[in-house]
C-alpha atoms as a PDB file:
ATOM      1  CA  UNK A   1     -15.708  26.306  10.492  1.00  0.00           C
ATOM      2  CA  UNK A   2     -14.099  25.364  13.890  1.00  0.00           C
ATOM      3  CA  UNK A   3     -11.627  22.651  14.064  1.00  0.00           C
ATOM      4  CA  UNK A   4     -10.989  19.900  16.365  1.00  0.00           C
ATOM      5  CA  UNK A   5      -7.838  18.723  16.803  1.00  0.00           C
ATOM      6  CA  UNK A   6      -5.238  21.558  16.240  1.00  0.00           C
ATOM      7  CA  UNK A   7      -6.160  22.230  12.629  1.00  0.00           C
ATOM      8  CA  UNK A   8      -6.559  25.713  11.471  1.00  0.00           C
ATOM      9  CA  UNK A   9     -10.104  27.396  11.814  1.00  0.00           C
ATOM     10  CA  UNK A  10     -11.567  29.141   9.137  1.00  0.00           C
ATOM     11  CA  UNK A  11     -13.894  31.821  10.083  1.00  0.00           C
ATOM     12  CA  UNK A  12     -16.532  34.619   7.937  1.00  0.00           C
ATOM     13  CA  UNK A  13     -16.618  32.838   4.803  1.00  0.00           C
ATOM     14  CA  UNK A  14     -19.233  34.177   2.696  1.00  0.00           C
ATOM     15  CA  UNK A  15     -21.029  32.830  -0.166  1.00  0.00           C
ATOM     16  CA  UNK A  16     -24.201  33.699  -1.652  1.00  0.00           C
ATOM     17  CA  UNK A  17     -27.041  32.587   0.027  1.00  0.00           C
ATOM     18  CA  UNK A  18     -29.388  32.030  -2.659  1.00  0.00           C
ATOM     19  CA  UNK A  19     -27.115  29.227  -4.226  1.00  0.00           C
ATOM     20  CA  UNK A  20     -28.076  27.148  -0.784  1.00  0.00           C
ATOM     21  CA  UNK A  21     -24.445  25.769  -1.097  1.00  0.00           C
ATOM     22  CA  UNK A  22     -20.757  26.456  -0.441  1.00  0.00           C
ATOM     23  CA  UNK A  23     -17.664  24.562  -1.402  1.00  0.00           C
ATOM     24  CA  UNK A  24     -15.336  24.810   1.240  1.00  0.00           C
ATOM     25  CA  UNK A  25     -11.415  23.673  -0.428  1.00  0.00           C
ATOM     26  CA  UNK A  26      -7.982  23.670   1.746  1.00  0.00           C
ATOM     27  CA  UNK A  27      -9.148  21.770   4.725  1.00  0.00           C
ATOM     28  CA  UNK A  28      -6.882  19.250   6.824  1.00  0.00           C
ATOM     29  CA  UNK A  29      -7.841  15.263   5.856  1.00  0.00           C
ATOM     30  CA  UNK A  30      -8.641  13.108   8.723  1.00  0.00           C
ATOM     31  CA  UNK A  31     -10.063  16.395  11.070  1.00  0.00           C
ATOM     32  CA  UNK A  32     -13.490  16.724  13.255  1.00  0.00           C
ATOM     33  CA  UNK A  33     -15.072  20.402  12.078  1.00  0.00           C
ATOM     34  CA  UNK A  34     -18.203  22.405  13.329  1.00  0.00           C
ATOM     35  CA  UNK A  35     -20.143  24.490  10.665  1.00  0.00           C
ATOM     36  CA  UNK A  36     -21.826  27.146  11.465  1.00  0.00           C
ATOM     37  CA  UNK A  37     -24.047  29.095   8.664  1.00  0.00           C
ATOM     38  CA  UNK A  38     -26.466  32.373   9.715  1.00  0.00           C
ATOM     39  CA  UNK A  39     -27.192  34.664   7.364  1.00  0.00           C
ATOM     40  CA  UNK A  40     -26.420  38.195   7.499  1.00  0.00           C
ATOM     41  CA  UNK A  41     -27.534  41.343   5.728  1.00  0.00           C
ATOM     42  CA  UNK A  42     -25.528  44.472   6.924  1.00  0.00           C
ATOM     43  CA  UNK A  43     -26.032  44.290  10.645  1.00  0.00           C
ATOM     44  CA  UNK A  44     -28.865  42.106  11.008  1.00  0.00           C
ATOM     45  CA  UNK A  45     -28.298  37.690  11.755  1.00  0.00           C
ATOM     46  CA  UNK A  46     -29.514  34.867  11.608  1.00  0.00           C
ATOM     47  CA  UNK A  47     -29.903  32.567  14.415  1.00  0.00           C
ATOM     48  CA  UNK A  48     -26.809  30.465  13.705  1.00  0.00           C
ATOM     49  CA  UNK A  49     -27.165  26.387  13.078  1.00  0.00           C
ATOM     50  CA  UNK A  50     -24.541  24.335  13.501  1.00  0.00           C
ATOM     51  CA  UNK A  51     -23.456  20.513  11.966  1.00  0.00           C
ATOM     52  CA  UNK A  52     -20.497  18.586  12.266  1.00  0.00           C
ATOM     53  CA  UNK A  53     -18.418  16.553   9.739  1.00  0.00           C
ATOM     54  CA  UNK A  54     -15.023  14.845   9.588  1.00  0.00           C
ATOM     55  CA  UNK A  55     -12.972  15.053   6.714  1.00  0.00           C
ATOM     56  CA  UNK A  56     -12.201  11.649   4.861  1.00  0.00           C
ATOM     57  CA  UNK A  57      -9.158   9.721   5.486  1.00  0.00           C
ATOM     58  CA  UNK A  58      -6.509   9.986   1.964  1.00  0.00           C
ATOM     59  CA  UNK A  59      -5.186   6.910   0.915  1.00  0.00           C
ATOM     60  CA  UNK A  60      -2.000   6.339   0.340  1.00  0.00           C
ATOM     61  CA  UNK A  61      -0.351   7.326  -2.827  1.00  0.00           C
ATOM     62  CA  UNK A  62       2.686   6.645  -4.885  1.00  0.00           C
ATOM     63  CA  UNK A  63       2.583   2.658  -3.812  1.00  0.00           C
ATOM     64  CA  UNK A  64       5.254   1.010  -5.614  1.00  0.00           C
ATOM     65  CA  UNK A  65       7.088  -2.561  -5.102  1.00  0.00           C
ATOM     66  CA  UNK A  66      11.491  -2.017  -4.836  1.00  0.00           C
ATOM     67  CA  UNK A  67      13.944  -4.398  -4.256  1.00  0.00           C
ATOM     68  CA  UNK A  68      12.107  -7.955  -4.887  1.00  0.00           C
ATOM     69  CA  UNK A  69      14.423 -10.789  -4.633  1.00  0.00           C
ATOM     70  CA  UNK A  70      13.320 -14.187  -4.542  1.00  0.00           C
ATOM     71  CA  UNK A  71      11.695 -14.354  -0.519  1.00  0.00           C
ATOM     72  CA  UNK A  72      11.294 -10.159  -0.485  1.00  0.00           C
ATOM     73  CA  UNK A  73       9.647  -7.315  -1.400  1.00  0.00           C
ATOM     74  CA  UNK A  74       9.883  -3.889   0.135  1.00  0.00           C
ATOM     75  CA  UNK A  75       6.432  -1.724  -0.308  1.00  0.00           C
ATOM     76  CA  UNK A  76       6.554   1.753  -0.038  1.00  0.00           C
ATOM     77  CA  UNK A  77       3.672   4.793   0.033  1.00  0.00           C
ATOM     78  CA  UNK A  78       3.323   8.239   0.948  1.00  0.00           C
ATOM     79  CA  UNK A  79       0.934   8.736   3.440  1.00  0.00           C
ATOM     80  CA  UNK A  80      -0.840  12.372   3.813  1.00  0.00           C
ATOM     81  CA  UNK A  81      -2.423  11.496   7.721  1.00  0.00           C
ATOM     82  CA  UNK A  82      -0.501  13.068  10.341  1.00  0.00           C
ATOM     83  CA  UNK A  83       0.398  11.049  13.476  1.00  0.00           C
ATOM     84  CA  UNK A  84      -1.828  13.151  15.919  1.00  0.00           C
ATOM     85  CA  UNK A  85      -4.920  11.748  13.730  1.00  0.00           C
ATOM     86  CA  UNK A  86      -3.465   8.208  15.461  1.00  0.00           C
ATOM     87  CA  UNK A  87      -3.959   6.503  11.884  1.00  0.00           C
ATOM     88  CA  UNK A  88      -2.491   3.414  10.271  1.00  0.00           C
ATOM     89  CA  UNK A  89      -1.427   1.992   7.152  1.00  0.00           C
ATOM     90  CA  UNK A  90      -3.466  -1.353   6.568  1.00  0.00           C
ATOM     91  CA  UNK A  91      -1.195  -4.079   4.381  1.00  0.00           C
ATOM     92  CA  UNK A  92      -2.458  -6.582   3.046  1.00  0.00           C
ATOM     93  CA  UNK A  93      -0.364  -9.181   0.932  1.00  0.00           C
ATOM     94  CA  UNK A  94      -2.976 -11.868  -1.783  1.00  0.00           C
ATOM     95  CA  UNK A  95      -1.333 -14.631  -3.729  1.00  0.00           C
ATOM     96  CA  UNK A  96      -3.134 -13.466  -7.448  1.00  0.00           C
ATOM     97  CA  UNK A  97      -3.231 -17.369  -8.744  1.00  0.00           C
ATOM     98  CA  UNK A  98      -6.011 -18.249  -5.928  1.00  0.00           C
ATOM     99  CA  UNK A  99      -6.347 -15.045  -4.191  1.00  0.00           C
ATOM    100  CA  UNK A 100      -5.183 -16.259  -0.455  1.00  0.00           C
ATOM    101  CA  UNK A 101      -4.212 -13.955   2.102  1.00  0.00           C
ATOM    102  CA  UNK A 102      -0.560 -14.240   2.999  1.00  0.00           C
ATOM    103  CA  UNK A 103       0.193 -11.741   5.238  1.00  0.00           C
ATOM    104  CA  UNK A 104      -1.554  -8.388   6.363  1.00  0.00           C
ATOM    105  CA  UNK A 105       0.538  -5.744   8.600  1.00  0.00           C
ATOM    106  CA  UNK A 106      -0.680  -2.465  10.279  1.00  0.00           C
ATOM    107  CA  UNK A 107       1.816   0.343  10.376  1.00  0.00           C
ATOM    108  CA  UNK A 108       1.802   3.361  11.986  1.00  0.00           C
ATOM    109  CA  UNK A 109       1.577   6.814  10.379  1.00  0.00           C
ATOM    110  CA  UNK A 110       5.030   8.375  11.881  1.00  0.00           C
ATOM    111  CA  UNK A 111       4.226  11.837  10.273  1.00  0.00           C
ATOM    112  CA  UNK A 112       2.147  13.981   7.877  1.00  0.00           C
ATOM    113  CA  UNK A 113       3.234  13.984   4.431  1.00  0.00           C
ATOM    114  CA  UNK A 114       5.794  11.132   4.919  1.00  0.00           C
ATOM    115  CA  UNK A 115       6.950   8.397   2.734  1.00  0.00           C
ATOM    116  CA  UNK A 116       6.964   5.004   4.307  1.00  0.00           C
ATOM    117  CA  UNK A 117       8.309   1.644   3.531  1.00  0.00           C
ATOM    118  CA  UNK A 118       8.132  -1.657   4.775  1.00  0.00           C
ATOM    119  CA  UNK A 119       9.647  -5.151   3.664  1.00  0.00           C
ATOM    120  CA  UNK A 120       7.423  -7.711   3.434  1.00  0.00           C
ATOM    121  CA  UNK A 121       9.852 -11.483   3.724  1.00  0.00           C
ATOM    122  CA  UNK A 122       8.869 -15.013   3.765  1.00  0.00           C
ATOM    123  CA  UNK A 123       7.325 -15.093   0.744  1.00  0.00           C
ATOM    124  CA  UNK A 124       7.729 -18.106  -2.065  1.00  0.00           C
ATOM    125  CA  UNK A 125       9.404 -17.245  -4.765  1.00  0.00           C
ATOM    126  CA  UNK A 126       8.045 -16.802  -8.234  1.00  0.00           C
ATOM    127  CA  UNK A 127       4.559 -15.768  -7.094  1.00  0.00           C
ATOM    128  CA  UNK A 128       2.174 -13.535  -8.074  1.00  0.00           C
ATOM    129  CA  UNK A 129       1.163 -11.480  -5.414  1.00  0.00           C
ATOM    130  CA  UNK A 130      -1.473  -8.027  -5.146  1.00  0.00           C
ATOM    131  CA  UNK A 131      -0.242  -5.472  -1.844  1.00  0.00           C
ATOM    132  CA  UNK A 132      -3.021  -3.741  -1.307  1.00  0.00           C
ATOM    133  CA  UNK A 133      -3.152  -0.538   1.192  1.00  0.00           C
ATOM    134  CA  UNK A 134      -5.475   1.505   3.024  1.00  0.00           C
ATOM    135  CA  UNK A 135      -5.692   4.332   5.936  1.00  0.00           C
ATOM    136  CA  UNK A 136      -7.618   3.658   8.783  1.00  0.00           C
ATOM    137  CA  UNK A 137      -8.230   6.136  11.739  1.00  0.00           C
ATOM    138  CA  UNK A 138     -11.343   7.078  13.816  1.00  0.00           C
ATOM    139  CA  UNK A 139     -12.281   8.856  11.132  1.00  0.00           C
ATOM    140  CA  UNK A 140     -12.815   5.489   8.914  1.00  0.00           C
ATOM    141  CA  UNK A 141     -11.068   3.930   6.314  1.00  0.00           C
ATOM    142  CA  UNK A 142      -9.333   5.734   2.756  1.00  0.00           C
ATOM    143  CA  UNK A 143      -9.935   3.886  -0.560  1.00  0.00           C
ATOM    144  CA  UNK A 144      -7.301   1.024  -1.475  1.00  0.00           C
ATOM    145  CA  UNK A 145      -4.167   1.679  -3.614  1.00  0.00           C
ATOM    146  CA  UNK A 146      -3.087  -2.008  -4.960  1.00  0.00           C
ATOM    147  CA  UNK A 147      -0.002  -2.853  -6.569  1.00  0.00           C
ATOM    148  CA  UNK A 148       1.061  -6.166  -8.374  1.00  0.00           C
ATOM    149  CA  UNK A 149       4.800  -7.765  -8.311  1.00  0.00           C
ATOM    150  CA  UNK A 150       6.571 -10.968  -8.426  1.00  0.00           C
ATOM    151  CA  UNK A 151       8.704 -12.571  -6.681  1.00  0.00           C
ATOM    152  CA  UNK A 152      12.438 -13.559  -8.344  1.00  0.00           C
ATOM    153  CA  UNK A 153      13.014 -17.203  -8.819  1.00  0.00           C
ATOM    154  CA  UNK A 154      16.255 -18.856  -7.449  1.00  0.00           C
ATOM    155  CA  UNK A 155      19.261 -18.794  -9.609  1.00  0.00           C
ATOM    156  CA  UNK A 156      21.433 -22.323 -10.416  1.00  0.00           C
ATOM    157  CA  UNK A 157      25.064 -22.441  -9.260  1.00  0.00           C
ATOM    158  CA  UNK A 158      27.654 -24.675  -9.853  1.00  0.00           C
ATOM    159  CA  UNK A 159      26.189 -27.253 -12.378  1.00  0.00           C
ATOM    160  CA  UNK A 160      28.270 -30.297 -12.593  1.00  0.00           C
ATOM    161  CA  UNK A 161      28.407 -33.787 -14.327  1.00  0.00           C
ATOM    162  CA  UNK A 162      29.437 -36.824 -12.401  1.00  0.00           C
ATOM    163  CA  UNK A 163      29.162 -40.851 -13.641  1.00  0.00           C
ATOM    164  CA  UNK A 164      29.134 -40.262 -17.198  1.00  0.00           C
ATOM    165  CA  UNK A 165      28.553 -43.495 -18.836  1.00  0.00           C
ATOM    166  CA  UNK A 166      28.106 -44.463 -22.392  1.00  0.00           C
ATOM    167  CA  UNK A 167      24.260 -44.033 -22.160  1.00  0.00           C
ATOM    168  CA  UNK A 168      23.626 -41.801 -18.704  1.00  0.00           C
ATOM    169  CA  UNK A 169      25.234 -39.110 -17.067  1.00  0.00           C
ATOM    170  CA  UNK A 170      24.662 -37.993 -13.958  1.00  0.00           C
ATOM    171  CA  UNK A 171      24.076 -33.851 -13.370  1.00  0.00           C
ATOM    172  CA  UNK A 172      24.201 -31.493 -10.065  1.00  0.00           C
ATOM    173  CA  UNK A 173      23.281 -28.278  -9.245  1.00  0.00           C
ATOM    174  CA  UNK A 174      23.012 -25.482  -5.956  1.00  0.00           C
ATOM    175  CA  UNK A 175      20.636 -22.784  -5.488  1.00  0.00           C
ATOM    176  CA  UNK A 176      21.213 -19.444  -4.742  1.00  0.00           C
ATOM    177  CA  UNK A 177      18.108 -19.803  -1.823  1.00  0.00           C
ATOM    178  CA  UNK A 178      17.692 -23.554  -1.559  1.00  0.00           C
ATOM    179  CA  UNK A 179      14.800 -22.871   1.025  1.00  0.00           C
ATOM    180  CA  UNK A 180      12.986 -20.783  -2.014  1.00  0.00           C
ATOM    181  CA  UNK A 181      12.376 -23.575  -4.468  1.00  0.00           C
ATOM    182  CA  UNK A 182       9.949 -25.615  -2.917  1.00  0.00           C
ATOM    183  CA  UNK A 183       6.869 -26.341  -5.589  1.00  0.00           C
ATOM    184  CA  UNK A 184       9.683 -25.172  -7.860  1.00  0.00           C
ATOM    185  CA  UNK A 185      10.875 -28.064 -10.973  1.00  0.00           C
ATOM    186  CA  UNK A 186      14.029 -28.191 -12.489  1.00  0.00           C
ATOM    187  CA  UNK A 187      13.970 -28.339 -15.842  1.00  0.00           C
ATOM    188  CA  UNK A 188      16.092 -30.015 -18.086  1.00  0.00           C
ATOM    189  CA  UNK A 189      17.026 -29.635 -22.130  1.00  0.00           C
ATOM    190  CA  UNK A 190      19.523 -32.455 -23.297  1.00  0.00           C
ATOM    191  CA  UNK A 191      21.366 -30.452 -27.035  1.00  0.00           C
ATOM    192  CA  UNK A 192      23.033 -33.165 -28.771  1.00  0.00           C
ATOM    193  CA  UNK A 193      25.914 -32.364 -30.767  1.00  0.00           C
ATOM    194  CA  UNK A 194      27.462 -34.251 -33.835  1.00  0.00           C
ATOM    195  CA  UNK A 195      24.292 -36.473 -35.242  1.00  0.00           C
ATOM    196  CA  UNK A 196      23.408 -37.613 -31.985  1.00  0.00           C
END
């Protein structure tokens, strides 16, 4: 096997000619190869025939989401192709409730067998998301790896009471992230004491 782009050549691999097939392992992912095949018996050789192929782009592995907040999340994964392959990891976020694609990012792969991470911001509070990741290069696309996560809901702070009368009260509160309470509802539960 002759490899392009600096992968090691594998020469003189011998297999039983009667089987009619051979499995070659430990090839470099996302690499172009030329296979040259011939029959040999002692010192006599057949005509050599060549075929070209390219190994597939491996998908990202160990995909996970960490550091989830009200509006951000950190996506982490391992890439298994090198920067010489001019590969990118495509990250696509969709809301699970309606399938709306929220974000698409293309992240260059910086090193072979390398841990990558991207912080995604501008997410909605208390929303379920699907993160899909796959590798793309000149050799095509890998299969997708998905991860599910839910953003946090903002925290209430500084709850207070104003304007108490015999039959009413005005409550006020602050929020840990006022911009993130868009589409959130404040739910009040009143508990009466002493026979009310």
